[in-house]
Amino acid sequence: MRKTAWIFFAIGILYASYLLLLLSVPYLEMRRGIDFLKTKQLIYHIKHWRYSFYIHVFTSILIITSGLLQFSKTILSKYTRIHRISGFIYLVVTLLISGPAALVMSLYANGGYPAQASFVILSILWLGTTYLAYRYVRKKDYEKHGKWMVRSYALTLSAVSLRLYSYLFDVFYLQMDPVNLYILLSWLSWTLNLVIAEVFIQRGLIKRLLASR
């Protein structure tokens, strides 16, 4: 990714992270009637769902920002310690904390079975791609590690793209039944991200990053 393009990408992701942080702050009150939780009144009493929700919400910013640092040429070439620490944080939090929480949440997703199936697949792919990124970095196969990190991060950004696509539907007044719209967004939020990730991989993004080392 060229430097200018990366800067714009980073600014966009950091701004999205800031918006997610603003959305997360009200949940610190741990009350059941806040924003999204209004749609979860029938299952809020289920402890493993409730714990998973708060874990996922409060770790999302950490995962998005630590993952972003993995794709900076400057950090990769000049500040390798930052790259390793942020990568360690990303892998540990995703694999051991937020990923499992997301899988639990996906079983109770709004939109019924179609949306639940989407989020279950998303959660499994997120855990799987992140694990493969970890596996290949342990083997010092940095090219494969980088490719799987791109796929993993593309899935991480589904939290951002879901809200972006929802916003675009509102802006362009695209009218749909709310349940069908949520089902559509649940699938678009990560499938399109993976397609874009594969385009970047095929265009040699990882080889260019490794060349900077």
N, C-alpha and C. Protein backbone atom coordinates (compact mmCIF):
# COMPACT_ATOMS: atom_id res chain seq x y z
N MET A 1 0.85 -1.18 0.00
CA MET A 1 0.00 0.00 0.00
C MET A 1 0.89 1.24 0.00
N ARG A 2 0.69 2.15 -0.97
CA ARG A 2 1.52 3.34 -1.03
C ARG A 2 1.28 4.23 0.18
N LYS A 3 2.32 5.05 0.48
CA LYS A 3 2.30 5.80 1.72
C LYS A 3 1.07 6.71 1.83
N THR A 4 0.77 7.45 0.76
CA THR A 4 -0.38 8.37 0.79
C THR A 4 -1.68 7.60 0.99
N ALA A 5 -1.82 6.49 0.26
CA ALA A 5 -3.04 5.68 0.38
C ALA A 5 -3.15 5.12 1.79
N TRP A 6 -2.01 4.69 2.36
CA TRP A 6 -2.04 4.13 3.72
C TRP A 6 -2.45 5.19 4.73
N ILE A 7 -1.97 6.41 4.54
CA ILE A 7 -2.30 7.50 5.47
C ILE A 7 -3.81 7.76 5.46
N PHE A 8 -4.40 7.82 4.25
CA PHE A 8 -5.85 8.05 4.16
C PHE A 8 -6.61 6.87 4.76
N PHE A 9 -6.12 5.67 4.51
CA PHE A 9 -6.74 4.47 5.08
C PHE A 9 -6.68 4.51 6.60
N ALA A 10 -5.51 4.84 7.12
CA ALA A 10 -5.32 4.89 8.58
C ALA A 10 -6.21 5.95 9.21
N ILE A 11 -6.30 7.12 8.57
CA ILE A 11 -7.16 8.19 9.10
C ILE A 11 -8.62 7.72 9.14
N GLY A 12 -9.04 7.05 8.07
CA GLY A 12 -10.40 6.55 8.01
C GLY A 12 -10.68 5.53 9.11
N ILE A 13 -9.73 4.61 9.32
CA ILE A 13 -9.91 3.58 10.35
C ILE A 13 -9.89 4.20 11.75
N LEU A 14 -8.99 5.14 11.96
CA LEU A 14 -8.91 5.78 13.28
C LEU A 14 -10.18 6.60 13.57
N TYR A 15 -10.70 7.23 12.54
CA TYR A 15 -11.95 7.98 12.73
C TYR A 15 -13.10 7.03 13.04
N ALA A 16 -13.14 5.91 12.32
CA ALA A 16 -14.17 4.90 12.58
C ALA A 16 -14.02 4.34 13.99
N SER A 17 -12.77 4.16 14.44
CA SER A 17 -12.52 3.68 15.80
C SER A 17 -13.01 4.68 16.83
N TYR A 18 -12.81 5.94 16.52
CA TYR A 18 -13.29 7.00 17.42
C TYR A 18 -14.81 6.96 17.54
N LEU A 19 -15.49 6.77 16.40
CA LEU A 19 -16.95 6.68 16.42
C LEU A 19 -17.41 5.45 17.21
N LEU A 20 -16.71 4.33 17.03
CA LEU A 20 -17.04 3.12 17.78
C LEU A 20 -16.83 3.34 19.28
N LEU A 21 -15.79 4.10 19.61
CA LEU A 21 -15.53 4.41 21.03
C LEU A 21 -16.68 5.21 21.62
N LEU A 22 -17.17 6.19 20.84
CA LEU A 22 -18.30 6.99 21.31
C LEU A 22 -19.54 6.12 21.52
N LEU A 23 -19.72 5.14 20.64
CA LEU A 23 -20.86 4.24 20.78
C LEU A 23 -20.70 3.31 21.98
N SER A 24 -19.45 3.02 22.33
CA SER A 24 -19.17 2.07 23.41
C SER A 24 -19.29 2.70 24.80
N VAL A 25 -19.01 3.99 24.91
CA VAL A 25 -18.96 4.65 26.21
C VAL A 25 -20.25 4.46 27.03
N PRO A 26 -21.45 4.63 26.42
CA PRO A 26 -22.67 4.47 27.23
C PRO A 26 -22.80 3.09 27.88
N TYR A 27 -22.18 2.07 27.27
CA TYR A 27 -22.31 0.72 27.82
C TYR A 27 -21.52 0.54 29.12
N LEU A 28 -20.69 1.52 29.46
CA LEU A 28 -19.97 1.44 30.72
C LEU A 28 -20.91 1.47 31.91
N GLU A 29 -22.12 1.99 31.70
CA GLU A 29 -23.10 2.03 32.78
C GLU A 29 -23.66 0.64 33.11
N MET A 30 -23.43 -0.32 32.19
CA MET A 30 -23.88 -1.70 32.41
C MET A 30 -25.39 -1.78 32.67
N ARG A 31 -26.14 -0.97 31.97
CA ARG A 31 -27.60 -1.03 32.09
C ARG A 31 -28.20 -1.70 30.86
N ARG A 32 -29.33 -2.32 31.00
CA ARG A 32 -29.89 -3.15 29.94
C ARG A 32 -30.66 -2.36 28.88
N GLY A 33 -31.00 -1.09 29.14
CA GLY A 33 -31.83 -0.35 28.20
C GLY A 33 -31.09 0.64 27.32
N ILE A 34 -29.81 0.39 27.05
CA ILE A 34 -28.99 1.34 26.31
C ILE A 34 -28.85 0.93 24.85
N ASP A 35 -29.23 1.82 23.94
CA ASP A 35 -29.01 1.67 22.49
C ASP A 35 -29.32 0.26 21.99
N PHE A 36 -28.30 -0.43 21.46
CA PHE A 36 -28.48 -1.76 20.87
C PHE A 36 -29.12 -2.75 21.83
N LEU A 37 -28.85 -2.59 23.12
CA LEU A 37 -29.37 -3.53 24.11
C LEU A 37 -30.89 -3.48 24.22
N LYS A 38 -31.52 -2.42 23.70
CA LYS A 38 -32.97 -2.35 23.71
C LYS A 38 -33.57 -3.47 22.86
N THR A 39 -32.80 -3.97 21.88
CA THR A 39 -33.29 -5.05 21.03
C THR A 39 -32.98 -6.42 21.63
N LYS A 40 -32.32 -6.42 22.80
CA LYS A 40 -31.88 -7.68 23.41
C LYS A 40 -32.50 -7.92 24.79
N GLN A 41 -33.66 -7.34 25.02
CA GLN A 41 -34.28 -7.46 26.33
C GLN A 41 -34.64 -8.90 26.70
N LEU A 42 -34.97 -9.70 25.69
CA LEU A 42 -35.40 -11.08 25.96
C LEU A 42 -34.24 -12.01 26.30
N ILE A 43 -33.00 -11.59 25.97
CA ILE A 43 -31.86 -12.47 26.24
C ILE A 43 -30.81 -11.81 27.13
N TYR A 44 -31.06 -10.59 27.58
CA TYR A 44 -30.07 -9.88 28.39
C TYR A 44 -29.74 -10.63 29.67
N HIS A 45 -30.69 -11.41 30.15
CA HIS A 45 -30.47 -12.14 31.40
C HIS A 45 -29.53 -13.33 31.23
N ILE A 46 -29.23 -13.73 29.98
CA ILE A 46 -28.34 -14.87 29.72
C ILE A 46 -26.90 -14.41 29.96
N LYS A 47 -26.29 -14.92 31.01
CA LYS A 47 -24.99 -14.40 31.44
C LYS A 47 -23.90 -14.53 30.39
N HIS A 48 -23.79 -15.70 29.73
CA HIS A 48 -22.69 -15.86 28.78
C HIS A 48 -22.86 -14.95 27.58
N TRP A 49 -24.11 -14.65 27.20
CA TRP A 49 -24.31 -13.68 26.12
C TRP A 49 -23.93 -12.29 26.60
N ARG A 50 -24.40 -11.90 27.78
CA ARG A 50 -24.15 -10.56 28.31
C ARG A 50 -22.66 -10.31 28.49
N TYR A 51 -21.94 -11.27 29.07
CA TYR A 51 -20.50 -11.10 29.24
C TYR A 51 -19.80 -11.00 27.89
N SER A 52 -20.23 -11.82 26.95
CA SER A 52 -19.62 -11.81 25.62
C SER A 52 -19.84 -10.47 24.93
N PHE A 53 -21.03 -9.91 25.11
CA PHE A 53 -21.34 -8.61 24.51
C PHE A 53 -20.39 -7.53 25.02
N TYR A 54 -20.26 -7.42 26.34
CA TYR A 54 -19.41 -6.37 26.90
C TYR A 54 -17.94 -6.59 26.55
N ILE A 55 -17.51 -7.84 26.55
CA ILE A 55 -16.13 -8.14 26.16
C ILE A 55 -15.88 -7.69 24.73
N HIS A 56 -16.79 -8.06 23.85
CA HIS A 56 -16.62 -7.74 22.43
C HIS A 56 -16.63 -6.23 22.20
N VAL A 57 -17.54 -5.54 22.86
CA VAL A 57 -17.64 -4.09 22.69
C VAL A 57 -16.38 -3.38 23.18
N PHE A 58 -15.89 -3.77 24.35
CA PHE A 58 -14.79 -3.04 24.96
C PHE A 58 -13.40 -3.45 24.43
N THR A 59 -13.32 -4.52 23.66
CA THR A 59 -12.03 -4.88 23.07
C THR A 59 -11.93 -4.51 21.59
N SER A 60 -13.04 -4.09 21.00
CA SER A 60 -13.05 -3.85 19.55
C SER A 60 -12.06 -2.76 19.14
N ILE A 61 -12.00 -1.67 19.91
CA ILE A 61 -11.09 -0.57 19.56
C ILE A 61 -9.64 -1.03 19.62
N LEU A 62 -9.31 -1.81 20.64
CA LEU A 62 -7.95 -2.32 20.81
C LEU A 62 -7.54 -3.19 19.62
N ILE A 63 -8.44 -4.04 19.18
CA ILE A 63 -8.14 -4.93 18.05
C ILE A 63 -7.98 -4.15 16.75
N ILE A 64 -8.88 -3.21 16.51
CA ILE A 64 -8.82 -2.44 15.27
C ILE A 64 -7.54 -1.62 15.19
N THR A 65 -7.17 -0.95 16.29
CA THR A 65 -5.98 -0.10 16.25
C THR A 65 -4.69 -0.91 16.22
N SER A 66 -4.62 -1.98 17.00
CA SER A 66 -3.40 -2.80 16.99
C SER A 66 -3.23 -3.49 15.64
N GLY A 67 -4.34 -3.90 15.02
CA GLY A 67 -4.26 -4.51 13.70
C GLY A 67 -3.81 -3.53 12.63
N LEU A 68 -4.25 -2.30 12.75
CA LEU A 68 -3.87 -1.27 11.77
C LEU A 68 -2.36 -1.08 11.71
N LEU A 69 -1.69 -1.14 12.86
CA LEU A 69 -0.25 -0.93 12.93
C LEU A 69 0.54 -2.01 12.19
N GLN A 70 -0.10 -3.14 11.89
CA GLN A 70 0.59 -4.23 11.22
C GLN A 70 0.90 -3.92 9.75
N PHE A 71 0.23 -2.93 9.20
CA PHE A 71 0.34 -2.68 7.76
C PHE A 71 1.04 -1.37 7.42
N SER A 72 1.81 -0.87 8.36
CA SER A 72 2.60 0.34 8.12
C SER A 72 4.02 -0.04 7.71
N LYS A 73 4.44 0.41 6.54
CA LYS A 73 5.82 0.15 6.10
C LYS A 73 6.83 0.75 7.05
N THR A 74 6.54 1.95 7.54
CA THR A 74 7.47 2.65 8.43
C THR A 74 7.67 1.86 9.72
N ILE A 75 6.57 1.41 10.31
CA ILE A 75 6.68 0.64 11.54
C ILE A 75 7.37 -0.69 11.29
N LEU A 76 7.03 -1.34 10.18
CA LEU A 76 7.61 -2.65 9.87
C LEU A 76 9.11 -2.56 9.63
N SER A 77 9.57 -1.46 9.03
CA SER A 77 10.98 -1.35 8.67
C SER A 77 11.83 -0.69 9.75
N LYS A 78 11.24 0.25 10.50
CA LYS A 78 12.03 1.03 11.45
C LYS A 78 11.70 0.77 12.91
N TYR A 79 10.50 0.32 13.16
CA TYR A 79 10.06 0.12 14.55
C TYR A 79 9.48 -1.28 14.70
N THR A 80 10.33 -2.26 14.47
CA THR A 80 9.87 -3.65 14.47
C THR A 80 9.32 -4.09 15.83
N ARG A 81 9.82 -3.47 16.90
CA ARG A 81 9.32 -3.83 18.23
C ARG A 81 7.84 -3.46 18.37
N ILE A 82 7.48 -2.29 17.84
CA ILE A 82 6.07 -1.87 17.86
C ILE A 82 5.23 -2.84 17.04
N HIS A 83 5.77 -3.24 15.89
CA HIS A 83 5.06 -4.20 15.04
C HIS A 83 4.80 -5.51 15.79
N ARG A 84 5.80 -5.98 16.48
CA ARG A 84 5.67 -7.26 17.19
C ARG A 84 4.72 -7.16 18.38
N ILE A 85 4.84 -6.08 19.14
CA ILE A 85 3.98 -5.93 20.31
C ILE A 85 2.52 -5.76 19.90
N SER A 86 2.27 -4.90 18.91
CA SER A 86 0.90 -4.69 18.46
C SER A 86 0.34 -5.97 17.83
N GLY A 87 1.20 -6.71 17.12
CA GLY A 87 0.77 -7.98 16.55
C GLY A 87 0.43 -9.00 17.62
N PHE A 88 1.23 -9.03 18.67
CA PHE A 88 0.97 -9.93 19.80
C PHE A 88 -0.38 -9.60 20.46
N ILE A 89 -0.62 -8.30 20.67
CA ILE A 89 -1.88 -7.87 21.26
C ILE A 89 -3.06 -8.28 20.38
N TYR A 90 -2.91 -8.04 19.08
CA TYR A 90 -3.98 -8.36 18.14
C TYR A 90 -4.29 -9.86 18.17
N LEU A 91 -3.27 -10.70 18.11
CA LEU A 91 -3.47 -12.14 18.07
C LEU A 91 -4.08 -12.66 19.37
N VAL A 92 -3.54 -12.24 20.50
CA VAL A 92 -4.01 -12.74 21.79
C VAL A 92 -5.46 -12.32 22.06
N VAL A 93 -5.74 -11.03 21.86
CA VAL A 93 -7.09 -10.54 22.15
C VAL A 93 -8.12 -11.16 21.20
N THR A 94 -7.75 -11.30 19.93
CA THR A 94 -8.69 -11.88 18.96
C THR A 94 -8.93 -13.36 19.25
N LEU A 95 -7.85 -14.13 19.41
CA LEU A 95 -7.98 -15.58 19.55
C LEU A 95 -8.54 -16.01 20.90
N LEU A 96 -8.17 -15.31 21.96
CA LEU A 96 -8.52 -15.79 23.29
C LEU A 96 -9.66 -15.01 23.96
N ILE A 97 -9.95 -13.82 23.47
CA ILE A 97 -10.94 -13.00 24.16
C ILE A 97 -12.11 -12.60 23.25
N SER A 98 -11.82 -11.72 22.29
CA SER A 98 -12.91 -11.14 21.51
C SER A 98 -13.51 -12.11 20.49
N GLY A 99 -12.65 -12.96 19.88
CA GLY A 99 -13.15 -13.91 18.90
C GLY A 99 -14.15 -14.90 19.49
N PRO A 100 -13.80 -15.56 20.60
CA PRO A 100 -14.77 -16.46 21.24
C PRO A 100 -16.04 -15.72 21.68
N ALA A 101 -15.89 -14.49 22.17
CA ALA A 101 -17.07 -13.71 22.57
C ALA A 101 -17.97 -13.43 21.37
N ALA A 102 -17.35 -13.12 20.23
CA ALA A 102 -18.12 -12.86 19.01
C ALA A 102 -18.88 -14.10 18.57
N LEU A 103 -18.27 -15.26 18.73
CA LEU A 103 -18.93 -16.51 18.34
C LEU A 103 -20.16 -16.76 19.21
N VAL A 104 -20.03 -16.50 20.50
CA VAL A 104 -21.18 -16.65 21.40
C VAL A 104 -22.29 -15.68 21.00
N MET A 105 -21.93 -14.43 20.74
CA MET A 105 -22.92 -13.43 20.36
C MET A 105 -23.62 -13.79 19.06
N SER A 106 -22.90 -14.37 18.13
CA SER A 106 -23.46 -14.67 16.81
C SER A 106 -24.62 -15.65 16.90
N LEU A 107 -24.62 -16.49 17.92
CA LEU A 107 -25.69 -17.47 18.09
C LEU A 107 -27.02 -16.83 18.47
N TYR A 108 -26.95 -15.57 18.91
CA TYR A 108 -28.15 -14.86 19.35
C TYR A 108 -28.40 -13.60 18.51
N ALA A 109 -27.81 -13.53 17.33
CA ALA A 109 -27.90 -12.32 16.51
C ALA A 109 -29.33 -12.01 16.11
N ASN A 110 -29.62 -10.71 15.98
CA ASN A 110 -30.91 -10.29 15.44
C ASN A 110 -31.02 -10.75 13.99
N GLY A 111 -32.24 -10.89 13.52
CA GLY A 111 -32.43 -11.27 12.12
C GLY A 111 -32.69 -12.74 11.90
N GLY A 112 -32.72 -13.52 12.99
CA GLY A 112 -33.04 -14.93 12.84
C GLY A 112 -31.90 -15.75 12.27
N TYR A 113 -32.21 -16.94 11.79
CA TYR A 113 -31.19 -17.88 11.33
C TYR A 113 -30.30 -17.35 10.21
N PRO A 114 -30.83 -16.61 9.21
CA PRO A 114 -29.95 -16.12 8.14
C PRO A 114 -28.82 -15.22 8.66
N ALA A 115 -29.17 -14.30 9.55
CA ALA A 115 -28.15 -13.40 10.12
C ALA A 115 -27.24 -14.15 11.08
N GLN A 116 -27.83 -15.05 11.86
CA GLN A 116 -27.03 -15.83 12.79
C GLN A 116 -26.01 -16.69 12.05
N ALA A 117 -26.43 -17.29 10.93
CA ALA A 117 -25.50 -18.09 10.13
C ALA A 117 -24.36 -17.24 9.61
N SER A 118 -24.69 -16.02 9.18
CA SER A 118 -23.64 -15.11 8.68
C SER A 118 -22.62 -14.80 9.75
N PHE A 119 -23.09 -14.45 10.95
CA PHE A 119 -22.17 -14.06 12.02
C PHE A 119 -21.40 -15.26 12.59
N VAL A 120 -22.01 -16.43 12.57
CA VAL A 120 -21.28 -17.63 13.00
C VAL A 120 -20.13 -17.91 12.04
N ILE A 121 -20.42 -17.85 10.73
CA ILE A 121 -19.37 -18.07 9.73
C ILE A 121 -18.29 -17.01 9.86
N LEU A 122 -18.71 -15.76 10.03
CA LEU A 122 -17.76 -14.66 10.21
C LEU A 122 -16.85 -14.94 11.41
N SER A 123 -17.42 -15.33 12.53
CA SER A 123 -16.64 -15.56 13.75
C SER A 123 -15.64 -16.70 13.57
N ILE A 124 -16.09 -17.78 12.93
CA ILE A 124 -15.21 -18.93 12.70
C ILE A 124 -14.08 -18.56 11.74
N LEU A 125 -14.41 -17.83 10.68
CA LEU A 125 -13.37 -17.40 9.74
C LEU A 125 -12.41 -16.42 10.39
N TRP A 126 -12.92 -15.55 11.24
CA TRP A 126 -12.07 -14.58 11.94
C TRP A 126 -11.07 -15.30 12.83
N LEU A 127 -11.55 -16.25 13.60
CA LEU A 127 -10.66 -17.04 14.45
C LEU A 127 -9.69 -17.86 13.61
N GLY A 128 -10.19 -18.46 12.53
CA GLY A 128 -9.34 -19.31 11.69
C GLY A 128 -8.25 -18.56 10.98
N THR A 129 -8.58 -17.41 10.38
CA THR A 129 -7.57 -16.63 9.66
C THR A 129 -6.53 -16.06 10.63
N THR A 130 -7.00 -15.67 11.82
CA THR A 130 -6.06 -15.13 12.81
C THR A 130 -5.13 -16.22 13.32
N TYR A 131 -5.67 -17.41 13.52
CA TYR A 131 -4.83 -18.53 13.95
C TYR A 131 -3.79 -18.87 12.89
N LEU A 132 -4.18 -18.87 11.62
CA LEU A 132 -3.22 -19.17 10.55
C LEU A 132 -2.14 -18.09 10.47
N ALA A 133 -2.52 -16.84 10.72
CA ALA A 133 -1.52 -15.77 10.76
C ALA A 133 -0.51 -16.05 11.87
N TYR A 134 -1.00 -16.48 13.02
CA TYR A 134 -0.11 -16.83 14.14
C TYR A 134 0.75 -18.04 13.78
N ARG A 135 0.15 -19.05 13.17
CA ARG A 135 0.88 -20.28 12.83
C ARG A 135 2.05 -19.99 11.90
N TYR A 136 1.81 -19.16 10.89
CA TYR A 136 2.86 -18.92 9.90
C TYR A 136 3.94 -17.96 10.41
N VAL A 137 3.58 -17.07 11.33
CA VAL A 137 4.63 -16.22 11.88
C VAL A 137 5.54 -17.05 12.78
N ARG A 138 4.97 -18.07 13.45
CA ARG A 138 5.79 -18.97 14.25
C ARG A 138 6.75 -19.77 13.38
N LYS A 139 6.33 -20.06 12.15
CA LYS A 139 7.17 -20.79 11.21
C LYS A 139 8.12 -19.87 10.44
N LYS A 140 8.01 -18.57 10.71
CA LYS A 140 8.81 -17.54 10.04
C LYS A 140 8.53 -17.49 8.54
N ASP A 141 7.34 -17.90 8.16
CA ASP A 141 6.89 -17.76 6.78
C ASP A 141 6.12 -16.44 6.72
N TYR A 142 6.86 -15.35 6.56
CA TYR A 142 6.28 -14.03 6.73
C TYR A 142 5.31 -13.64 5.61
N GLU A 143 5.53 -14.19 4.43
CA GLU A 143 4.62 -13.86 3.34
C GLU A 143 3.23 -14.45 3.61
N LYS A 144 3.17 -15.72 4.00
CA LYS A 144 1.88 -16.33 4.31
C LYS A 144 1.26 -15.68 5.57
N HIS A 145 2.13 -15.38 6.52
CA HIS A 145 1.65 -14.69 7.72
C HIS A 145 0.96 -13.38 7.33
N GLY A 146 1.59 -12.61 6.47
CA GLY A 146 1.03 -11.34 6.05
C GLY A 146 -0.29 -11.49 5.32
N LYS A 147 -0.38 -12.50 4.46
CA LYS A 147 -1.62 -12.71 3.71
C LYS A 147 -2.78 -13.06 4.63
N TRP A 148 -2.50 -13.91 5.62
CA TRP A 148 -3.57 -14.28 6.54
C TRP A 148 -3.92 -13.15 7.49
N MET A 149 -2.96 -12.28 7.77
CA MET A 149 -3.25 -11.11 8.59
C MET A 149 -4.17 -10.15 7.83
N VAL A 150 -3.94 -10.01 6.54
CA VAL A 150 -4.81 -9.14 5.72
C VAL A 150 -6.24 -9.67 5.77
N ARG A 151 -6.39 -10.98 5.61
CA ARG A 151 -7.74 -11.58 5.64
C ARG A 151 -8.37 -11.42 7.03
N SER A 152 -7.57 -11.66 8.05
CA SER A 152 -8.08 -11.52 9.42
C SER A 152 -8.52 -10.08 9.68
N TYR A 153 -7.70 -9.12 9.28
CA TYR A 153 -8.04 -7.72 9.54
C TYR A 153 -9.24 -7.27 8.73
N ALA A 154 -9.38 -7.83 7.52
CA ALA A 154 -10.57 -7.53 6.71
C ALA A 154 -11.83 -7.95 7.46
N LEU A 155 -11.76 -9.10 8.13
CA LEU A 155 -12.89 -9.58 8.91
C LEU A 155 -13.08 -8.75 10.18
N THR A 156 -11.98 -8.30 10.77
CA THR A 156 -12.07 -7.40 11.92
C THR A 156 -12.85 -6.15 11.57
N LEU A 157 -12.61 -5.63 10.37
CA LEU A 157 -13.25 -4.39 9.95
C LEU A 157 -14.72 -4.55 9.57
N SER A 158 -15.24 -5.78 9.69
CA SER A 158 -16.67 -5.96 9.44
C SER A 158 -17.50 -5.13 10.41
N ALA A 159 -16.96 -4.89 11.61
CA ALA A 159 -17.66 -4.05 12.58
C ALA A 159 -17.83 -2.63 12.06
N VAL A 160 -16.83 -2.17 11.30
CA VAL A 160 -16.88 -0.83 10.71
C VAL A 160 -17.76 -0.82 9.46
N SER A 161 -17.56 -1.81 8.59
CA SER A 161 -18.30 -1.83 7.33
C SER A 161 -19.80 -2.03 7.54
N LEU A 162 -20.18 -2.81 8.56
CA LEU A 162 -21.60 -3.00 8.85
C LEU A 162 -22.28 -1.66 9.11
N ARG A 163 -21.64 -0.82 9.90
CA ARG A 163 -22.21 0.49 10.21
C ARG A 163 -22.11 1.43 9.02
N LEU A 164 -21.05 1.30 8.23
CA LEU A 164 -20.89 2.14 7.04
C LEU A 164 -21.99 1.85 6.02
N TYR A 165 -22.21 0.58 5.74
CA TYR A 165 -23.23 0.22 4.76
C TYR A 165 -24.62 0.61 5.25
N SER A 166 -24.86 0.47 6.55
CA SER A 166 -26.14 0.88 7.12
C SER A 166 -26.35 2.38 6.93
N TYR A 167 -25.28 3.13 7.15
CA TYR A 167 -25.34 4.59 6.97
C TYR A 167 -25.62 4.94 5.51
N LEU A 168 -24.97 4.24 4.58
CA LEU A 168 -25.16 4.51 3.16
C LEU A 168 -26.59 4.20 2.72
N PHE A 169 -27.16 3.15 3.26
CA PHE A 169 -28.56 2.83 2.95
C PHE A 169 -29.47 3.97 3.39
N ASP A 170 -29.17 4.58 4.53
CA ASP A 170 -29.97 5.71 5.01
C ASP A 170 -29.76 6.94 4.14
N VAL A 171 -28.52 7.21 3.78
CA VAL A 171 -28.19 8.40 2.98
C VAL A 171 -28.88 8.36 1.62
N PHE A 172 -28.87 7.19 0.99
CA PHE A 172 -29.46 7.06 -0.35
C PHE A 172 -30.91 6.60 -0.32
N TYR A 173 -31.50 6.60 0.87
CA TYR A 173 -32.93 6.29 1.04
C TYR A 173 -33.31 4.96 0.38
N LEU A 174 -32.48 3.96 0.58
CA LEU A 174 -32.77 2.64 0.02
C LEU A 174 -33.69 1.91 1.01
N GLN A 175 -34.94 1.84 0.65
CA GLN A 175 -35.94 1.30 1.56
C GLN A 175 -36.01 -0.23 1.48
N MET A 176 -35.91 -0.86 2.64
CA MET A 176 -36.06 -2.31 2.74
C MET A 176 -36.72 -2.65 4.07
N ASP A 177 -37.32 -3.80 4.13
CA ASP A 177 -37.82 -4.29 5.40
C ASP A 177 -36.65 -4.36 6.38
N PRO A 178 -36.80 -3.83 7.60
CA PRO A 178 -35.68 -3.78 8.55
C PRO A 178 -34.99 -5.11 8.79
N VAL A 179 -35.76 -6.19 8.89
CA VAL A 179 -35.15 -7.50 9.14
C VAL A 179 -34.34 -7.95 7.93
N ASN A 180 -34.92 -7.80 6.73
CA ASN A 180 -34.20 -8.19 5.51
C ASN A 180 -32.96 -7.32 5.30
N LEU A 181 -33.08 -6.05 5.66
CA LEU A 181 -31.92 -5.15 5.53
C LEU A 181 -30.79 -5.60 6.46
N TYR A 182 -31.12 -5.96 7.69
CA TYR A 182 -30.09 -6.39 8.63
C TYR A 182 -29.43 -7.69 8.17
N ILE A 183 -30.24 -8.59 7.60
CA ILE A 183 -29.68 -9.84 7.08
C ILE A 183 -28.71 -9.53 5.94
N LEU A 184 -29.12 -8.64 5.04
CA LEU A 184 -28.26 -8.26 3.92
C LEU A 184 -26.96 -7.63 4.43
N LEU A 185 -27.07 -6.72 5.38
CA LEU A 185 -25.89 -6.06 5.92
C LEU A 185 -24.98 -7.04 6.66
N SER A 186 -25.58 -8.03 7.31
CA SER A 186 -24.77 -9.00 8.05
C SER A 186 -23.86 -9.79 7.12
N TRP A 187 -24.32 -10.04 5.91
CA TRP A 187 -23.50 -10.77 4.94
C TRP A 187 -22.54 -9.83 4.19
N LEU A 188 -23.04 -8.66 3.80
CA LEU A 188 -22.18 -7.71 3.08
C LEU A 188 -21.00 -7.26 3.93
N SER A 189 -21.22 -7.13 5.24
CA SER A 189 -20.22 -6.53 6.13
C SER A 189 -18.88 -7.25 6.09
N TRP A 190 -18.87 -8.56 5.79
CA TRP A 190 -17.59 -9.28 5.77
C TRP A 190 -17.25 -9.92 4.43
N THR A 191 -18.27 -10.30 3.64
CA THR A 191 -17.95 -10.93 2.35
C THR A 191 -17.27 -9.95 1.40
N LEU A 192 -17.78 -8.73 1.35
CA LEU A 192 -17.17 -7.73 0.47
C LEU A 192 -15.77 -7.37 0.97
N ASN A 193 -15.59 -7.32 2.28
CA ASN A 193 -14.26 -7.05 2.85
C ASN A 193 -13.24 -8.11 2.41
N LEU A 194 -13.67 -9.37 2.41
CA LEU A 194 -12.76 -10.45 2.01
C LEU A 194 -12.40 -10.35 0.53
N VAL A 195 -13.36 -9.96 -0.29
CA VAL A 195 -13.08 -9.79 -1.73
C VAL A 195 -12.03 -8.69 -1.91
N ILE A 196 -12.21 -7.57 -1.22
CA ILE A 196 -11.25 -6.47 -1.31
C ILE A 196 -9.88 -6.91 -0.80
N ALA A 197 -9.86 -7.68 0.29
CA ALA A 197 -8.59 -8.18 0.83
C ALA A 197 -7.86 -9.05 -0.19
N GLU A 198 -8.59 -9.92 -0.88
CA GLU A 198 -7.97 -10.79 -1.87
C GLU A 198 -7.41 -9.98 -3.04
N VAL A 199 -8.09 -8.91 -3.41
CA VAL A 199 -7.59 -8.04 -4.49
C VAL A 199 -6.25 -7.44 -4.08
N PHE A 200 -6.16 -6.95 -2.85
CA PHE A 200 -4.90 -6.37 -2.37
C PHE A 200 -3.80 -7.43 -2.30
N ILE A 201 -4.15 -8.61 -1.87
CA ILE A 201 -3.16 -9.69 -1.79
C ILE A 201 -2.64 -10.04 -3.17
N GLN A 202 -3.55 -10.18 -4.14
CA GLN A 202 -3.16 -10.54 -5.51
C GLN A 202 -2.35 -9.44 -6.17
N ARG A 203 -2.53 -8.22 -5.75
CA ARG A 203 -1.78 -7.09 -6.32
C ARG A 203 -0.43 -6.90 -5.63
N GLY A 204 -0.07 -7.80 -4.74
CA GLY A 204 1.27 -7.79 -4.16
C GLY A 204 1.47 -6.93 -2.95
N LEU A 205 0.40 -6.68 -2.18
CA LEU A 205 0.53 -5.83 -1.00
C LEU A 205 1.56 -6.39 -0.02
N ILE A 206 1.50 -7.67 0.26
CA ILE A 206 2.40 -8.25 1.26
C ILE A 206 3.85 -8.24 0.78
N LYS A 207 4.06 -8.52 -0.49
CA LYS A 207 5.44 -8.49 -1.02
C LYS A 207 6.04 -7.10 -0.91
N ARG A 208 5.23 -6.08 -1.13
CA ARG A 208 5.74 -4.71 -1.01
C ARG A 208 6.06 -4.36 0.44
N LEU A 209 5.22 -4.84 1.36
CA LEU A 209 5.49 -4.59 2.77
C LEU A 209 6.77 -5.30 3.22
N LEU A 210 6.93 -6.54 2.78
CA LEU A 210 8.13 -7.30 3.17
C LEU A 210 9.38 -6.72 2.56
N ALA A 211 9.26 -6.12 1.41
CA ALA A 211 10.41 -5.50 0.75
C ALA A 211 10.96 -4.33 1.54
N SER A 212 10.12 -3.77 2.42
CA SER A 212 10.56 -2.62 3.22
C SER A 212 11.37 -3.04 4.44
N ARG A 213 11.38 -4.33 4.75
CA ARG A 213 12.06 -4.79 5.96
C ARG A 213 13.58 -4.74 5.77
